[in-house]
Amino acid sequence: MAAASKGTAHLWHIIAGVGAITNATVTAFSLDKEHANKGVTINEIGNEIEDRRDDLHQKGSITLIPRSAYTVPEAFTQVTYDSVIYLIEKVARVEAAGSQVQITFDIKKTEYVTLS
């Protein structure tokens, strides 16, 4: 008989400690990419002869469920996901009866802003 998996323990409405979220399960990740600077050149008869794109912006969200004590990071701090650093633009924290705490970050990364 195969061993039965009991699942992963997550937090139910607990916030404590210092620092940020260091142990959590990511339940959703989305990312859109778009160039902020777009330039199209049209010749004298109206044909498009050049299309330039620059300043790539990435926007999205990360939703996670904490596994251990945590503090919610403030907006305009940084989060690293999959070895990429993003700027947190908005933080949402949801507690619902019968469900674990869920935290969602709206994130942003731009081509010419270096995050460290």
C-alpha atoms as a PDB file:
ATOM      1  CA  MET A   1       0.000   0.000   0.000  1.00  0.00           C
ATOM      2  CA  ALA A   2       1.359   3.414  -0.976  1.00  0.00           C
ATOM      3  CA  ALA A   3       1.989   6.062   1.646  1.00  0.00           C
ATOM      4  CA  ALA A   4      -0.798   8.628   1.921  1.00  0.00           C
ATOM      5  CA  SER A   5       0.136  12.275   1.533  1.00  0.00           C
ATOM      6  CA  LYS A   6      -1.372  14.481   4.221  1.00  0.00           C
ATOM      7  CA  GLY A   7      -0.722  17.785   2.404  1.00  0.00           C
ATOM      8  CA  THR A   8       1.011  20.992   3.432  1.00  0.00           C
ATOM      9  CA  ALA A   9       0.258  22.991   6.562  1.00  0.00           C
ATOM     10  CA  HIS A  10      -0.648  26.626   5.973  1.00  0.00           C
ATOM     11  CA  LEU A  11      -1.526  29.426   8.381  1.00  0.00           C
ATOM     12  CA  TRP A  12      -5.023  30.279   9.463  1.00  0.00           C
ATOM     13  CA  HIS A  13      -5.322  33.990  10.284  1.00  0.00           C
ATOM     14  CA  ILE A  14      -1.939  34.370  12.022  1.00  0.00           C
ATOM     15  CA  ILE A  15       0.374  37.340  11.577  1.00  0.00           C
ATOM     16  CA  ALA A  16       3.533  37.688  13.631  1.00  0.00           C
ATOM     17  CA  GLY A  17       7.298  38.037  13.524  1.00  0.00           C
ATOM     18  CA  VAL A  18       9.564  40.478  11.784  1.00  0.00           C
ATOM     19  CA  GLY A  19      10.814  40.678   8.250  1.00  0.00           C
ATOM     20  CA  ALA A  20       8.610  39.488   5.456  1.00  0.00           C
ATOM     21  CA  ILE A  21       7.100  36.343   4.017  1.00  0.00           C
ATOM     22  CA  THR A  22       9.830  33.730   3.693  1.00  0.00           C
ATOM     23  CA  ASN A  23       7.849  30.502   3.597  1.00  0.00           C
ATOM     24  CA  ALA A  24       4.708  30.343   1.464  1.00  0.00           C
ATOM     25  CA  THR A  25       3.001  28.466  -1.342  1.00  0.00           C
ATOM     26  CA  VAL A  26       2.416  30.466  -4.520  1.00  0.00           C
ATOM     27  CA  THR A  27      -1.088  29.666  -5.752  1.00  0.00           C
ATOM     28  CA  ALA A  28      -1.198  32.029  -8.741  1.00  0.00           C
ATOM     29  CA  PHE A  29       1.243  34.071 -10.811  1.00  0.00           C
ATOM     30  CA  SER A  30       0.440  36.239 -13.814  1.00  0.00           C
ATOM     31  CA  LEU A  31       2.627  38.595 -15.835  1.00  0.00           C
ATOM     32  CA  ASP A  32       1.882  40.848 -18.799  1.00  0.00           C
ATOM     33  CA  LYS A  33       4.642  42.440 -20.879  1.00  0.00           C
ATOM     34  CA  GLU A  34       4.236  45.584 -22.952  1.00  0.00           C
ATOM     35  CA  HIS A  35       6.536  48.240 -24.359  1.00  0.00           C
ATOM     36  CA  ALA A  36       5.887  51.705 -22.934  1.00  0.00           C
ATOM     37  CA  ASN A  37       7.498  53.561 -25.857  1.00  0.00           C
ATOM     38  CA  LYS A  38       6.093  52.742 -29.252  1.00  0.00           C
ATOM     39  CA  GLY A  39       7.039  54.486 -32.453  1.00  0.00           C
ATOM     40  CA  VAL A  40       5.795  53.890 -35.982  1.00  0.00           C
ATOM     41  CA  THR A  41       7.164  55.629 -39.076  1.00  0.00           C
ATOM     42  CA  ILE A  42       4.870  56.088 -42.068  1.00  0.00           C
ATOM     43  CA  ASN A  43       6.164  57.049 -45.542  1.00  0.00           C
ATOM     44  CA  GLU A  44       4.614  59.680 -47.802  1.00  0.00           C
ATOM     45  CA  ILE A  45       1.984  57.275 -49.211  1.00  0.00           C
ATOM     46  CA  GLY A  46       0.895  55.939 -45.811  1.00  0.00           C
ATOM     47  CA  ASN A  47       2.831  52.673 -45.638  1.00  0.00           C
ATOM     48  CA  GLU A  48       4.338  51.657 -42.328  1.00  0.00           C
ATOM     49  CA  ILE A  49       8.091  51.431 -42.891  1.00  0.00           C
ATOM     50  CA  GLU A  50       9.395  51.194 -39.327  1.00  0.00           C
ATOM     51  CA  ASP A  51       8.072  49.985 -35.981  1.00  0.00           C
ATOM     52  CA  ARG A  52      10.108  50.655 -32.861  1.00  0.00           C
ATOM     53  CA  ARG A  53       9.405  49.311 -29.376  1.00  0.00           C
ATOM     54  CA  ASP A  54      11.340  50.300 -26.253  1.00  0.00           C
ATOM     55  CA  ASP A  55      11.127  50.379 -22.433  1.00  0.00           C
ATOM     56  CA  LEU A  56       9.617  46.972 -21.697  1.00  0.00           C
ATOM     57  CA  HIS A  57       7.199  47.058 -18.730  1.00  0.00           C
ATOM     58  CA  GLN A  58       6.115  43.905 -16.929  1.00  0.00           C
ATOM     59  CA  LYS A  59       3.022  43.995 -14.696  1.00  0.00           C
ATOM     60  CA  GLY A  60       1.260  41.200 -12.913  1.00  0.00           C
ATOM     61  CA  SER A  61       0.324  39.626  -9.614  1.00  0.00           C
ATOM     62  CA  ILE A  62       1.468  36.929  -7.214  1.00  0.00           C
ATOM     63  CA  THR A  63      -0.988  35.229  -4.841  1.00  0.00           C
ATOM     64  CA  LEU A  64       0.349  33.114  -1.998  1.00  0.00           C
ATOM     65  CA  ILE A  65      -0.620  31.316   1.193  1.00  0.00           C
ATOM     66  CA  PRO A  66       1.896  31.659   4.077  1.00  0.00           C
ATOM     67  CA  ARG A  67       3.187  28.499   5.787  1.00  0.00           C
ATOM     68  CA  SER A  68       4.800  30.197   8.789  1.00  0.00           C
ATOM     69  CA  ALA A  69       4.630  33.435  10.783  1.00  0.00           C
ATOM     70  CA  TYR A  70       5.023  36.496   8.586  1.00  0.00           C
ATOM     71  CA  THR A  71       4.609  40.238   8.247  1.00  0.00           C
ATOM     72  CA  VAL A  72       2.997  41.698   5.168  1.00  0.00           C
ATOM     73  CA  PRO A  73       5.476  43.754   3.111  1.00  0.00           C
ATOM     74  CA  GLU A  74       4.551  47.360   2.405  1.00  0.00           C
ATOM     75  CA  ALA A  75       3.797  48.685  -1.056  1.00  0.00           C
ATOM     76  CA  PHE A  76       6.845  49.976  -2.933  1.00  0.00           C
ATOM     77  CA  THR A  77       9.126  47.297  -1.491  1.00  0.00           C
ATOM     78  CA  GLN A  78      10.565  44.414  -3.461  1.00  0.00           C
ATOM     79  CA  VAL A  79       9.724  40.741  -3.828  1.00  0.00           C
ATOM     80  CA  THR A  80      11.781  38.034  -5.518  1.00  0.00           C
ATOM     81  CA  TYR A  81       9.944  35.294  -7.381  1.00  0.00           C
ATOM     82  CA  ASP A  82      11.646  32.671  -9.536  1.00  0.00           C
ATOM     83  CA  SER A  83      14.966  34.569  -9.192  1.00  0.00           C
ATOM     84  CA  VAL A  84      13.478  37.801 -10.613  1.00  0.00           C
ATOM     85  CA  ILE A  85      13.065  40.937  -8.482  1.00  0.00           C
ATOM     86  CA  TYR A  86       9.783  42.858  -8.823  1.00  0.00           C
ATOM     87  CA  LEU A  87       8.502  46.051  -7.225  1.00  0.00           C
ATOM     88  CA  ILE A  88       5.349  45.605  -5.133  1.00  0.00           C
ATOM     89  CA  GLU A  89       2.787  48.227  -6.174  1.00  0.00           C
ATOM     90  CA  LYS A  90      -0.180  47.020  -4.102  1.00  0.00           C
ATOM     91  CA  VAL A  91      -0.746  44.498  -1.309  1.00  0.00           C
ATOM     92  CA  ALA A  92      -4.040  42.739  -0.583  1.00  0.00           C
ATOM     93  CA  ARG A  93      -4.556  40.402   2.382  1.00  0.00           C
ATOM     94  CA  VAL A  94      -7.672  38.219   2.627  1.00  0.00           C
ATOM     95  CA  GLU A  95      -8.907  36.252   5.621  1.00  0.00           C
ATOM     96  CA  ALA A  96     -12.070  34.225   5.108  1.00  0.00           C
ATOM     97  CA  ALA A  97     -13.856  31.821   7.428  1.00  0.00           C
ATOM     98  CA  GLY A  98     -12.717  28.261   6.799  1.00  0.00           C
ATOM     99  CA  SER A  99      -9.841  29.318   4.560  1.00  0.00           C
ATOM    100  CA  GLN A 100      -6.168  30.108   4.911  1.00  0.00           C
ATOM    101  CA  VAL A 101      -4.786  33.630   4.770  1.00  0.00           C
ATOM    102  CA  GLN A 102      -4.150  34.706   1.170  1.00  0.00           C
ATOM    103  CA  ILE A 103      -1.886  37.562   0.186  1.00  0.00           C
ATOM    104  CA  THR A 104      -1.754  39.074  -3.290  1.00  0.00           C
ATOM    105  CA  PHE A 105       0.935  41.436  -4.567  1.00  0.00           C
ATOM    106  CA  ASP A 106       0.454  43.563  -7.665  1.00  0.00           C
ATOM    107  CA  ILE A 107       3.964  43.661  -9.113  1.00  0.00           C
ATOM    108  CA  LYS A 108       5.892  45.671 -11.676  1.00  0.00           C
ATOM    109  CA  LYS A 109       9.289  45.517 -13.367  1.00  0.00           C
ATOM    110  CA  THR A 110      10.552  48.028 -15.909  1.00  0.00           C
ATOM    111  CA  GLU A 111      13.450  47.706 -18.323  1.00  0.00           C
ATOM    112  CA  TYR A 112      15.436  50.765 -17.244  1.00  0.00           C
ATOM    113  CA  VAL A 113      14.888  50.651 -13.450  1.00  0.00           C
ATOM    114  CA  THR A 114      17.390  48.416 -11.678  1.00  0.00           C
ATOM    115  CA  LEU A 115      16.029  46.712  -8.564  1.00  0.00           C
ATOM    116  CA  SER A 116      18.440  45.263  -6.012  1.00  0.00           C
END
